[in-house]
Amino acid sequence: MKQIYFAFYLMTAIFSVAAQSDYPNRSISLVVPLSPGGSTDITARLVANKLKIELGQNVIVENKPGAGGNTGAQFVVNAQPDGYTLLMATSTIATNMTLFKNLTFDLQKDLAPISQIALIPNVLMVNVDVPANNLAEFIKLAQQKELFYGSAGNGTSQHLSGALFNSMIKGKMTHVPYKGGAPANADLLAGQIQLVFSPLVEVLPYIDSGKLRPLGVTTKARSGRLPNTPAIDEVLPGYEVALWNGILAPAKTPVPIINKLAAAIKKVMSDPDVLKTFAEQGSKAVGSSPAEFKDFIAVEIPRWGKLVQISGAKVE
């Protein structure tokens, strides 16, 4: 009987090694836990097209929105750990570890980090009628007068960016949640609210046309896309909210497959077309190793958890 078990184990190991060395031998699914057309979806499709060249197989983007990104993440958690189902995650997945009290998965236990893709700033945008031409003037205004800031919803990066800002300046800002960033930006343009902390890529057309005024970016450093707009940290030391994209796989995905994917992603993130597109969007290409991304996530979960606590955000 022991000989039979040993033979079965040996055959399984041989097939496993063969499958890993042959990887990938069919199409790969890259799950985006958001609706089509958004900035994450656009980034995923750009990266997928470049990975196809590096890996020699189609990388197909599948949109699985719902529950603040948890639906798509859970789908990948439940997938076979064979490298053929991957997740294009956003920083929201780190936020959700605190925001949602009854999650059925754990980011650090149930998903394997492959590589961080990008670092993305939010930008503090104000309606052009707001009487503040720079960040210092705006801080004084927000300390003296009630201002309304919109977001894509409770617990989103826009909400948390505004909550941190308001707490640090001891301001009078009131949060107005919307069902998505687009309606928040529409009301900002119409003057129904005074400001929004929006992902830079989503409001660049309004900035370029002069319809909205950028006062500061939420990352520690300035964005190359808006070199004359300061980082909020320059005026409000210690302020930082950085969004990100990254690719993960189901836990127990073989290490050789993880490493092969990470190496391919690193090449993609240095591709001239990718660098140009990211620069135009105001994002920074990363392409980290699995170990680096793992360490990054370990820091991000409590960082976003602190922001959730500051904001008082709740999900029913």
C-alpha atoms as a PDB file:
ATOM      1  CA  MET A   1       0.000   0.000   0.000  1.00  0.00           C
ATOM      2  CA  LYS A   2       2.855   2.390   0.889  1.00  0.00           C
ATOM      3  CA  GLN A   3       4.381   1.725  -2.525  1.00  0.00           C
ATOM      4  CA  ILE A   4       1.103   2.693  -4.222  1.00  0.00           C
ATOM      5  CA  TYR A   5       0.869   5.944  -2.234  1.00  0.00           C
ATOM      6  CA  PHE A   6       4.510   6.732  -2.992  1.00  0.00           C
ATOM      7  CA  ALA A   7       3.991   6.088  -6.701  1.00  0.00           C
ATOM      8  CA  PHE A   8       0.887   8.300  -6.708  1.00  0.00           C
ATOM      9  CA  TYR A   9       2.758  11.081  -4.884  1.00  0.00           C
ATOM     10  CA  LEU A  10       5.685  10.793  -7.299  1.00  0.00           C
ATOM     11  CA  MET A  11       3.425  10.949 -10.359  1.00  0.00           C
ATOM     12  CA  THR A  12       1.572  13.962  -8.933  1.00  0.00           C
ATOM     13  CA  ALA A  13       4.848  15.744  -8.286  1.00  0.00           C
ATOM     14  CA  ILE A  14       6.088  14.986 -11.807  1.00  0.00           C
ATOM     15  CA  PHE A  15       2.892  16.306 -13.383  1.00  0.00           C
ATOM     16  CA  SER A  16       3.052  19.408 -11.161  1.00  0.00           C
ATOM     17  CA  VAL A  17       6.634  20.189 -12.173  1.00  0.00           C
ATOM     18  CA  ALA A  18       5.813  19.581 -15.831  1.00  0.00           C
ATOM     19  CA  ALA A  19       2.810  21.908 -15.641  1.00  0.00           C
ATOM     20  CA  GLN A  20       4.918  24.623 -14.046  1.00  0.00           C
ATOM     21  CA  SER A  21       7.727  24.359 -16.589  1.00  0.00           C
ATOM     22  CA  ASP A  22       5.179  24.450 -19.419  1.00  0.00           C
ATOM     23  CA  TYR A  23       3.391  27.503 -17.965  1.00  0.00           C
ATOM     24  CA  PRO A  24       1.524  29.174 -19.556  1.00  0.00           C
ATOM     25  CA  ASN A  25       0.127  26.840 -22.171  1.00  0.00           C
ATOM     26  CA  ARG A  26      -3.317  28.450 -22.469  1.00  0.00           C
ATOM     27  CA  SER A  27      -5.068  31.770 -21.961  1.00  0.00           C
ATOM     28  CA  ILE A  28      -4.819  33.599 -18.637  1.00  0.00           C
ATOM     29  CA  SER A  29      -7.751  35.441 -17.059  1.00  0.00           C
ATOM     30  CA  LEU A  30      -7.015  38.805 -15.429  1.00  0.00           C
ATOM     31  CA  VAL A  31      -9.984  39.678 -13.217  1.00  0.00           C
ATOM     32  CA  VAL A  32     -10.791  43.367 -12.717  1.00  0.00           C
ATOM     33  CA  PRO A  33     -13.126  43.751  -9.709  1.00  0.00           C
ATOM     34  CA  LEU A  34     -14.642  46.919 -11.179  1.00  0.00           C
ATOM     35  CA  SER A  35     -16.863  47.874 -14.120  1.00  0.00           C
ATOM     36  CA  PRO A  36     -15.411  48.318 -17.632  1.00  0.00           C
ATOM     37  CA  GLY A  37     -14.178  51.719 -18.740  1.00  0.00           C
ATOM     38  CA  GLY A  38     -12.643  52.986 -15.517  1.00  0.00           C
ATOM     39  CA  SER A  39      -8.984  53.782 -14.960  1.00  0.00           C
ATOM     40  CA  THR A  40      -8.216  50.360 -13.422  1.00  0.00           C
ATOM     41  CA  ASP A  41      -9.896  48.582 -16.329  1.00  0.00           C
ATOM     42  CA  ILE A  42      -7.919  50.664 -18.844  1.00  0.00           C
ATOM     43  CA  THR A  43      -4.666  49.905 -17.007  1.00  0.00           C
ATOM     44  CA  ALA A  44      -5.487  46.197 -16.862  1.00  0.00           C
ATOM     45  CA  ARG A  45      -6.097  46.024 -20.611  1.00  0.00           C
ATOM     46  CA  LEU A  46      -2.853  47.823 -21.376  1.00  0.00           C
ATOM     47  CA  VAL A  47      -0.882  45.478 -19.118  1.00  0.00           C
ATOM     48  CA  ALA A  48      -2.730  42.410 -20.442  1.00  0.00           C
ATOM     49  CA  ASN A  49      -1.825  43.257 -24.043  1.00  0.00           C
ATOM     50  CA  LYS A  50       1.834  43.612 -23.121  1.00  0.00           C
ATOM     51  CA  LEU A  51       1.866  40.433 -21.016  1.00  0.00           C
ATOM     52  CA  LYS A  52       0.536  38.530 -24.014  1.00  0.00           C
ATOM     53  CA  ILE A  53       3.773  39.374 -25.801  1.00  0.00           C
ATOM     54  CA  GLU A  54       5.964  38.414 -22.841  1.00  0.00           C
ATOM     55  CA  LEU A  55       4.161  35.160 -22.002  1.00  0.00           C
ATOM     56  CA  GLY A  56       3.140  34.014 -25.470  1.00  0.00           C
ATOM     57  CA  GLN A  57      -0.491  33.464 -24.462  1.00  0.00           C
ATOM     58  CA  ASN A  58      -3.631  35.606 -24.449  1.00  0.00           C
ATOM     59  CA  VAL A  59      -4.318  37.489 -21.227  1.00  0.00           C
ATOM     60  CA  ILE A  60      -8.044  38.160 -21.150  1.00  0.00           C
ATOM     61  CA  VAL A  61      -9.530  40.858 -18.917  1.00  0.00           C
ATOM     62  CA  GLU A  62     -12.714  39.805 -17.108  1.00  0.00           C
ATOM     63  CA  ASN A  63     -14.751  42.437 -15.249  1.00  0.00           C
ATOM     64  CA  LYS A  64     -16.420  41.162 -12.065  1.00  0.00           C
ATOM     65  CA  PRO A  65     -17.654  44.234 -10.167  1.00  0.00           C
ATOM     66  CA  GLY A  66     -19.571  44.246  -6.926  1.00  0.00           C
ATOM     67  CA  ALA A  67     -19.308  44.728  -3.154  1.00  0.00           C
ATOM     68  CA  GLY A  68     -16.579  47.341  -3.377  1.00  0.00           C
ATOM     69  CA  GLY A  69     -14.296  45.006  -5.308  1.00  0.00           C
ATOM     70  CA  ASN A  70     -14.844  42.012  -3.036  1.00  0.00           C
ATOM     71  CA  THR A  71     -16.832  40.018  -5.596  1.00  0.00           C
ATOM     72  CA  GLY A  72     -13.958  39.873  -8.051  1.00  0.00           C
ATOM     73  CA  ALA A  73     -11.406  39.240  -5.309  1.00  0.00           C
ATOM     74  CA  GLN A  74     -13.450  36.339  -3.915  1.00  0.00           C
ATOM     75  CA  PHE A  75     -13.721  34.851  -7.405  1.00  0.00           C
ATOM     76  CA  VAL A  76      -9.923  34.745  -7.661  1.00  0.00           C
ATOM     77  CA  VAL A  77      -9.552  33.410  -4.113  1.00  0.00           C
ATOM     78  CA  ASN A  78     -11.808  30.483  -5.104  1.00  0.00           C
ATOM     79  CA  ALA A  79      -9.996  29.801  -8.388  1.00  0.00           C
ATOM     80  CA  GLN A  80      -7.504  27.007  -8.952  1.00  0.00           C
ATOM     81  CA  PRO A  81      -4.018  28.109  -7.843  1.00  0.00           C
ATOM     82  CA  ASP A  82      -2.473  27.335 -11.204  1.00  0.00           C
ATOM     83  CA  GLY A  83      -1.588  30.810 -12.502  1.00  0.00           C
ATOM     84  CA  TYR A  84      -4.444  31.010 -14.985  1.00  0.00           C
ATOM     85  CA  THR A  85      -6.720  33.256 -12.895  1.00  0.00           C
ATOM     86  CA  LEU A  86      -5.206  36.503 -11.603  1.00  0.00           C
ATOM     87  CA  LEU A  87      -6.557  39.597  -9.863  1.00  0.00           C
ATOM     88  CA  MET A  88      -5.893  43.218 -10.848  1.00  0.00           C
ATOM     89  CA  ALA A  89      -6.328  44.666  -7.370  1.00  0.00           C
ATOM     90  CA  THR A  90      -6.533  48.274  -6.269  1.00  0.00           C
ATOM     91  CA  SER A  91      -5.702  49.827  -2.904  1.00  0.00           C
ATOM     92  CA  THR A  92      -9.404  49.342  -2.100  1.00  0.00           C
ATOM     93  CA  ILE A  93      -8.677  45.715  -1.284  1.00  0.00           C
ATOM     94  CA  ALA A  94      -6.459  46.848   1.601  1.00  0.00           C
ATOM     95  CA  THR A  95      -9.135  49.296   2.777  1.00  0.00           C
ATOM     96  CA  ASN A  96     -11.761  46.557   2.707  1.00  0.00           C
ATOM     97  CA  MET A  97      -9.875  44.519   5.306  1.00  0.00           C
ATOM     98  CA  THR A  98     -11.041  47.105   7.854  1.00  0.00           C
ATOM     99  CA  LEU A  99     -14.110  48.552   6.152  1.00  0.00           C
ATOM    100  CA  PHE A 100     -15.986  45.250   5.797  1.00  0.00           C
ATOM    101  CA  LYS A 101     -16.505  43.361   9.037  1.00  0.00           C
ATOM    102  CA  ASN A 102     -17.641  40.060   7.512  1.00  0.00           C
ATOM    103  CA  LEU A 103     -15.244  39.421   4.655  1.00  0.00           C
ATOM    104  CA  THR A 104     -14.991  35.802   3.597  1.00  0.00           C
ATOM    105  CA  PHE A 105     -11.341  36.078   2.568  1.00  0.00           C
ATOM    106  CA  ASP A 106      -8.101  37.439   3.985  1.00  0.00           C
ATOM    107  CA  LEU A 107      -5.853  39.450   1.680  1.00  0.00           C
ATOM    108  CA  GLN A 108      -2.629  38.203   3.257  1.00  0.00           C
ATOM    109  CA  LYS A 109      -3.657  34.559   3.646  1.00  0.00           C
ATOM    110  CA  ASP A 110      -5.817  33.831   0.608  1.00  0.00           C
ATOM    111  CA  LEU A 111      -4.011  35.744  -2.144  1.00  0.00           C
ATOM    112  CA  ALA A 112      -0.402  35.581  -3.293  1.00  0.00           C
ATOM    113  CA  PRO A 113       1.264  38.899  -4.244  1.00  0.00           C
ATOM    114  CA  ILE A 114       2.922  38.947  -7.656  1.00  0.00           C
ATOM    115  CA  SER A 115       3.775  42.561  -8.409  1.00  0.00           C
ATOM    116  CA  GLN A 116       2.665  46.110  -7.718  1.00  0.00           C
ATOM    117  CA  ILE A 117       1.799  47.779 -11.008  1.00  0.00           C
ATOM    118  CA  ALA A 118       1.393  51.463 -10.283  1.00  0.00           C
ATOM    119  CA  LEU A 119       1.298  54.234  -7.719  1.00  0.00           C
ATOM    120  CA  ILE A 120      -1.562  56.670  -8.347  1.00  0.00           C
ATOM    121  CA  PRO A 121      -2.271  60.079  -6.765  1.00  0.00           C
ATOM    122  CA  ASN A 122      -5.585  61.570  -5.860  1.00  0.00           C
ATOM    123  CA  VAL A 123      -5.743  65.303  -6.520  1.00  0.00           C
ATOM    124  CA  LEU A 124      -7.589  67.913  -4.477  1.00  0.00           C
ATOM    125  CA  MET A 125      -9.867  69.600  -7.005  1.00  0.00           C
ATOM    126  CA  VAL A 126     -11.970  72.679  -6.330  1.00  0.00           C
ATOM    127  CA  ASN A 127     -14.667  74.431  -8.285  1.00  0.00           C
ATOM    128  CA  VAL A 128     -13.217  77.502 -10.006  1.00  0.00           C
ATOM    129  CA  ASP A 129     -15.524  79.769  -7.972  1.00  0.00           C
ATOM    130  CA  VAL A 130     -13.965  78.674  -4.677  1.00  0.00           C
ATOM    131  CA  PRO A 131     -12.040  81.719  -3.386  1.00  0.00           C
ATOM    132  CA  ALA A 132      -8.692  79.969  -2.919  1.00  0.00           C
ATOM    133  CA  ASN A 133      -5.899  80.022  -5.477  1.00  0.00           C
ATOM    134  CA  ASN A 134      -3.498  77.795  -3.592  1.00  0.00           C
ATOM    135  CA  LEU A 135      -3.467  75.135  -0.903  1.00  0.00           C
ATOM    136  CA  ALA A 136      -2.588  77.463   1.972  1.00  0.00           C
ATOM    137  CA  GLU A 137      -5.498  79.751   1.135  1.00  0.00           C
ATOM    138  CA  PHE A 138      -7.817  76.771   0.849  1.00  0.00           C
ATOM    139  CA  ILE A 139      -6.823  75.417   4.256  1.00  0.00           C
ATOM    140  CA  LYS A 140      -7.686  78.763   5.867  1.00  0.00           C
ATOM    141  CA  LEU A 141     -11.022  78.789   4.036  1.00  0.00           C
ATOM    142  CA  ALA A 142     -11.859  75.217   5.102  1.00  0.00           C
ATOM    143  CA  GLN A 143     -11.080  76.116   8.725  1.00  0.00           C
ATOM    144  CA  GLN A 144     -13.444  79.080   8.664  1.00  0.00           C
ATOM    145  CA  LYS A 145     -16.354  77.972   6.476  1.00  0.00           C
ATOM    146  CA  GLU A 146     -18.282  74.754   5.947  1.00  0.00           C
ATOM    147  CA  LEU A 147     -17.315  73.174   2.640  1.00  0.00           C
ATOM    148  CA  PHE A 148     -18.758  70.062   1.019  1.00  0.00           C
ATOM    149  CA  TYR A 149     -16.523  67.420  -0.540  1.00  0.00           C
ATOM    150  CA  GLY A 150     -17.830  64.670  -2.764  1.00  0.00           C
ATOM    151  CA  SER A 151     -16.630  61.104  -3.210  1.00  0.00           C
ATOM    152  CA  ALA A 152     -17.459  57.933  -5.081  1.00  0.00           C
ATOM    153  CA  GLY A 153     -19.002  56.549  -1.906  1.00  0.00           C
ATOM    154  CA  ASN A 154     -18.415  55.813   1.763  1.00  0.00           C
ATOM    155  CA  GLY A 155     -15.014  54.278   2.420  1.00  0.00           C
ATOM    156  CA  THR A 156     -13.594  55.085  -1.015  1.00  0.00           C
ATOM    157  CA  SER A 157     -10.161  56.647  -1.408  1.00  0.00           C
ATOM    158  CA  GLN A 158     -11.824  59.997  -2.181  1.00  0.00           C
ATOM    159  CA  HIS A 159     -13.724  59.854   1.106  1.00  0.00           C
ATOM    160  CA  LEU A 160     -10.680  58.781   3.127  1.00  0.00           C
ATOM    161  CA  SER A 161      -8.419  61.370   1.484  1.00  0.00           C
ATOM    162  CA  GLY A 162     -10.853  64.128   2.461  1.00  0.00           C
ATOM    163  CA  ALA A 163     -11.380  62.789   5.976  1.00  0.00           C
ATOM    164  CA  LEU A 164      -7.644  62.711   6.681  1.00  0.00           C
ATOM    165  CA  PHE A 165      -7.199  66.217   5.276  1.00  0.00           C
ATOM    166  CA  ASN A 166     -10.087  67.594   7.323  1.00  0.00           C
ATOM    167  CA  SER A 167      -8.842  65.962  10.519  1.00  0.00           C
ATOM    168  CA  MET A 168      -5.324  67.321  10.056  1.00  0.00           C
ATOM    169  CA  ILE A 169      -6.413  70.923   9.426  1.00  0.00           C
ATOM    170  CA  LYS A 170      -9.270  70.726  11.975  1.00  0.00           C
ATOM    171  CA  GLY A 171     -11.542  71.973   9.236  1.00  0.00           C
ATOM    172  CA  LYS A 172     -15.274  72.254   8.650  1.00  0.00           C
ATOM    173  CA  MET A 173     -15.537  69.984   5.624  1.00  0.00           C
ATOM    174  CA  THR A 174     -18.598  67.756   5.248  1.00  0.00           C
ATOM    175  CA  HIS A 175     -18.560  64.541   3.243  1.00  0.00           C
ATOM    176  CA  VAL A 176     -21.159  63.969   0.500  1.00  0.00           C
ATOM    177  CA  PRO A 177     -21.086  60.378  -0.851  1.00  0.00           C
ATOM    178  CA  TYR A 178     -22.167  59.652  -4.428  1.00  0.00           C
ATOM    179  CA  LYS A 179     -22.697  56.430  -6.349  1.00  0.00           C
ATOM    180  CA  GLY A 180     -19.455  56.746  -8.284  1.00  0.00           C
ATOM    181  CA  GLY A 181     -16.864  59.364  -9.111  1.00  0.00           C
ATOM    182  CA  ALA A 182     -18.595  60.681 -12.240  1.00  0.00           C
ATOM    183  CA  PRO A 183     -21.682  62.129 -10.486  1.00  0.00           C
ATOM    184  CA  ALA A 184     -19.449  63.663  -7.802  1.00  0.00           C
ATOM    185  CA  ASN A 185     -17.353  65.357 -10.464  1.00  0.00           C
ATOM    186  CA  ALA A 186     -20.516  66.532 -12.256  1.00  0.00           C
ATOM    187  CA  ASP A 187     -21.778  68.239  -9.096  1.00  0.00           C
ATOM    188  CA  LEU A 188     -18.337  69.737  -8.518  1.00  0.00           C
ATOM    189  CA  LEU A 189     -18.403  71.252 -12.010  1.00  0.00           C
ATOM    190  CA  ALA A 190     -21.911  72.588 -11.332  1.00  0.00           C
ATOM    191  CA  GLY A 191     -20.870  74.129  -8.021  1.00  0.00           C
ATOM    192  CA  GLN A 192     -23.183  71.946  -5.915  1.00  0.00           C
ATOM    193  CA  ILE A 193     -20.131  70.882  -3.881  1.00  0.00           C
ATOM    194  CA  GLN A 194     -16.846  72.703  -3.478  1.00  0.00           C
ATOM    195  CA  LEU A 195     -14.191  70.007  -3.758  1.00  0.00           C
ATOM    196  CA  VAL A 196     -13.362  66.399  -4.592  1.00  0.00           C
ATOM    197  CA  PHE A 197     -10.255  64.318  -3.961  1.00  0.00           C
ATOM    198  CA  SER A 198     -10.279  62.459  -7.267  1.00  0.00           C
ATOM    199  CA  PRO A 199      -7.893  59.993  -8.951  1.00  0.00           C
ATOM    200  CA  LEU A 200      -5.816  62.240 -11.186  1.00  0.00           C
ATOM    201  CA  VAL A 201      -6.449  60.270 -14.360  1.00  0.00           C
ATOM    202  CA  GLU A 202     -10.222  60.789 -14.019  1.00  0.00           C
ATOM    203  CA  VAL A 203     -10.086  64.608 -13.876  1.00  0.00           C
ATOM    204  CA  LEU A 204      -7.211  65.471 -16.198  1.00  0.00           C
ATOM    205  CA  PRO A 205      -9.572  66.684 -18.968  1.00  0.00           C
ATOM    206  CA  TYR A 206     -11.157  69.154 -16.525  1.00  0.00           C
ATOM    207  CA  ILE A 207      -7.741  70.353 -15.372  1.00  0.00           C
ATOM    208  CA  ASP A 208      -6.422  70.756 -18.912  1.00  0.00           C
ATOM    209  CA  SER A 209      -9.528  72.696 -19.957  1.00  0.00           C
ATOM    210  CA  GLY A 210      -9.434  74.937 -16.888  1.00  0.00           C
ATOM    211  CA  LYS A 211     -12.876  73.817 -15.711  1.00  0.00           C
ATOM    212  CA  LEU A 212     -11.530  72.693 -12.328  1.00  0.00           C
ATOM    213  CA  ARG A 213      -8.603  73.935 -10.245  1.00  0.00           C
ATOM    214  CA  PRO A 214      -6.057  71.472  -8.802  1.00  0.00           C
ATOM    215  CA  LEU A 215      -4.603  72.520  -5.452  1.00  0.00           C
ATOM    216  CA  GLY A 216      -2.577  69.523  -4.341  1.00  0.00           C
ATOM    217  CA  VAL A 217      -1.800  65.854  -4.955  1.00  0.00           C
ATOM    218  CA  THR A 218      -2.121  63.282  -2.200  1.00  0.00           C
ATOM    219  CA  THR A 219       1.110  61.367  -2.847  1.00  0.00           C
ATOM    220  CA  LYS A 220       4.313  62.246  -1.006  1.00  0.00           C
ATOM    221  CA  ALA A 221       5.899  63.633  -4.165  1.00  0.00           C
ATOM    222  CA  ARG A 222       4.493  65.807  -6.926  1.00  0.00           C
ATOM    223  CA  SER A 223       3.063  64.212 -10.052  1.00  0.00           C
ATOM    224  CA  GLY A 224       5.065  64.648 -13.229  1.00  0.00           C
ATOM    225  CA  ARG A 225       1.764  65.308 -14.978  1.00  0.00           C
ATOM    226  CA  LEU A 226       1.110  68.349 -12.739  1.00  0.00           C
ATOM    227  CA  PRO A 227       4.604  69.638 -11.895  1.00  0.00           C
ATOM    228  CA  ASN A 228       3.300  73.012 -10.703  1.00  0.00           C
ATOM    229  CA  THR A 229       0.778  71.506  -8.311  1.00  0.00           C
ATOM    230  CA  PRO A 230       2.321  70.792  -4.902  1.00  0.00           C
ATOM    231  CA  ALA A 231       2.073  67.614  -2.923  1.00  0.00           C
ATOM    232  CA  ILE A 232      -0.254  68.340  -0.018  1.00  0.00           C
ATOM    233  CA  ASP A 233       2.573  67.176   2.256  1.00  0.00           C
ATOM    234  CA  GLU A 234       4.558  70.288   1.262  1.00  0.00           C
ATOM    235  CA  VAL A 235       1.990  72.486   2.994  1.00  0.00           C
ATOM    236  CA  LEU A 236       0.543  69.948   5.424  1.00  0.00           C
ATOM    237  CA  PRO A 237       3.510  67.816   6.584  1.00  0.00           C
ATOM    238  CA  GLY A 238       2.677  64.165   7.144  1.00  0.00           C
ATOM    239  CA  TYR A 239      -0.264  64.050   4.754  1.00  0.00           C
ATOM    240  CA  GLU A 240      -0.138  61.137   2.303  1.00  0.00           C
ATOM    241  CA  VAL A 241      -2.716  58.983   0.563  1.00  0.00           C
ATOM    242  CA  ALA A 242      -1.376  56.887  -2.310  1.00  0.00           C
ATOM    243  CA  LEU A 243      -3.564  54.665  -4.475  1.00  0.00           C
ATOM    244  CA  TRP A 244      -2.132  51.646  -6.249  1.00  0.00           C
ATOM    245  CA  ASN A 245      -2.774  48.764  -8.614  1.00  0.00           C
ATOM    246  CA  GLY A 246      -1.214  45.339  -8.275  1.00  0.00           C
ATOM    247  CA  ILE A 247      -1.592  41.779  -9.519  1.00  0.00           C
ATOM    248  CA  LEU A 248      -2.232  38.835  -7.198  1.00  0.00           C
ATOM    249  CA  ALA A 249      -2.944  35.129  -7.598  1.00  0.00           C
ATOM    250  CA  PRO A 250      -4.790  32.588  -5.454  1.00  0.00           C
ATOM    251  CA  ALA A 251      -2.817  31.422  -2.436  1.00  0.00           C
ATOM    252  CA  LYS A 252      -0.774  28.231  -3.007  1.00  0.00           C
ATOM    253  CA  THR A 253      -0.004  29.188  -6.599  1.00  0.00           C
ATOM    254  CA  PRO A 254       3.410  27.548  -7.218  1.00  0.00           C
ATOM    255  CA  VAL A 255       6.362  29.849  -6.589  1.00  0.00           C
ATOM    256  CA  PRO A 256       7.947  29.226 -10.021  1.00  0.00           C
ATOM    257  CA  ILE A 257       4.738  30.460 -11.676  1.00  0.00           C
ATOM    258  CA  ILE A 258       4.570  33.499  -9.386  1.00  0.00           C
ATOM    259  CA  ASN A 259       8.185  34.334 -10.217  1.00  0.00           C
ATOM    260  CA  LYS A 260       7.670  33.880 -13.949  1.00  0.00           C
ATOM    261  CA  LEU A 261       4.683  36.228 -13.881  1.00  0.00           C
ATOM    262  CA  ALA A 262       6.578  38.772 -11.773  1.00  0.00           C
ATOM    263  CA  ALA A 263       9.502  38.763 -14.204  1.00  0.00           C
ATOM    264  CA  ALA A 264       7.149  39.294 -17.149  1.00  0.00           C
ATOM    265  CA  ILE A 265       5.333  42.130 -15.359  1.00  0.00           C
ATOM    266  CA  LYS A 266       8.648  43.812 -14.514  1.00  0.00           C
ATOM    267  CA  LYS A 267       9.511  43.857 -18.227  1.00  0.00           C
ATOM    268  CA  VAL A 268       6.068  45.210 -19.095  1.00  0.00           C
ATOM    269  CA  MET A 269       6.417  48.030 -16.578  1.00  0.00           C
ATOM    270  CA  SER A 270       9.573  49.232 -18.331  1.00  0.00           C
ATOM    271  CA  ASP A 271       7.982  49.107 -21.787  1.00  0.00           C
ATOM    272  CA  PRO A 272       8.129  52.577 -23.450  1.00  0.00           C
ATOM    273  CA  ASP A 273       4.426  52.491 -24.353  1.00  0.00           C
ATOM    274  CA  VAL A 274       3.453  51.665 -20.778  1.00  0.00           C
ATOM    275  CA  LEU A 275       5.741  54.305 -19.312  1.00  0.00           C
ATOM    276  CA  LYS A 276       4.350  56.907 -21.708  1.00  0.00           C
ATOM    277  CA  THR A 277       0.723  56.016 -20.946  1.00  0.00           C
ATOM    278  CA  PHE A 278       1.278  56.015 -17.194  1.00  0.00           C
ATOM    279  CA  ALA A 279       3.071  59.364 -17.365  1.00  0.00           C
ATOM    280  CA  GLU A 280       0.182  60.852 -19.334  1.00  0.00           C
ATOM    281  CA  GLN A 281      -2.209  59.583 -16.652  1.00  0.00           C
ATOM    282  CA  GLY A 282      -0.087  60.982 -13.830  1.00  0.00           C
ATOM    283  CA  SER A 283       0.677  57.497 -12.472  1.00  0.00           C
ATOM    284  CA  LYS A 284       4.051  55.971 -11.616  1.00  0.00           C
ATOM    285  CA  ALA A 285       4.949  52.538 -13.014  1.00  0.00           C
ATOM    286  CA  VAL A 286       6.350  50.153 -10.392  1.00  0.00           C
ATOM    287  CA  GLY A 287       6.875  46.466 -11.266  1.00  0.00           C
ATOM    288  CA  SER A 288       7.979  45.189  -7.835  1.00  0.00           C
ATOM    289  CA  SER A 289       9.023  41.668  -6.842  1.00  0.00           C
ATOM    290  CA  PRO A 290       6.597  39.324  -5.038  1.00  0.00           C
ATOM    291  CA  ALA A 291       8.502  39.840  -1.768  1.00  0.00           C
ATOM    292  CA  GLU A 292       8.433  43.622  -2.148  1.00  0.00           C
ATOM    293  CA  PHE A 293       4.722  43.602  -2.918  1.00  0.00           C
ATOM    294  CA  LYS A 294       4.059  41.343   0.088  1.00  0.00           C
ATOM    295  CA  ASP A 295       5.864  43.776   2.386  1.00  0.00           C
ATOM    296  CA  PHE A 296       4.048  46.703   0.787  1.00  0.00           C
ATOM    297  CA  ILE A 297       0.633  45.112   1.435  1.00  0.00           C
ATOM    298  CA  ALA A 298       1.573  44.416   5.060  1.00  0.00           C
ATOM    299  CA  VAL A 299       2.072  48.172   5.535  1.00  0.00           C
ATOM    300  CA  GLU A 300      -0.950  49.223   3.474  1.00  0.00           C
ATOM    301  CA  ILE A 301      -3.588  47.291   5.429  1.00  0.00           C
ATOM    302  CA  PRO A 302      -3.052  49.156   8.734  1.00  0.00           C
ATOM    303  CA  ARG A 303      -2.437  52.432   6.879  1.00  0.00           C
ATOM    304  CA  TRP A 304      -5.848  52.293   5.192  1.00  0.00           C
ATOM    305  CA  GLY A 305      -7.388  50.882   8.370  1.00  0.00           C
ATOM    306  CA  LYS A 306      -6.333  54.021  10.211  1.00  0.00           C
ATOM    307  CA  LEU A 307      -7.968  56.174   7.539  1.00  0.00           C
ATOM    308  CA  VAL A 308     -11.199  54.181   7.803  1.00  0.00           C
ATOM    309  CA  GLN A 309     -11.217  54.845  11.567  1.00  0.00           C
ATOM    310  CA  ILE A 310     -10.554  58.564  11.070  1.00  0.00           C
ATOM    311  CA  SER A 311     -13.370  58.817   8.528  1.00  0.00           C
ATOM    312  CA  GLY A 312     -15.887  56.841  10.544  1.00  0.00           C
ATOM    313  CA  ALA A 313     -16.842  55.027   7.328  1.00  0.00           C
ATOM    314  CA  LYS A 314     -19.174  52.064   7.683  1.00  0.00           C
ATOM    315  CA  VAL A 315     -20.559  49.504   5.267  1.00  0.00           C
ATOM    316  CA  GLU A 316     -24.010  48.187   6.121  1.00  0.00           C
END
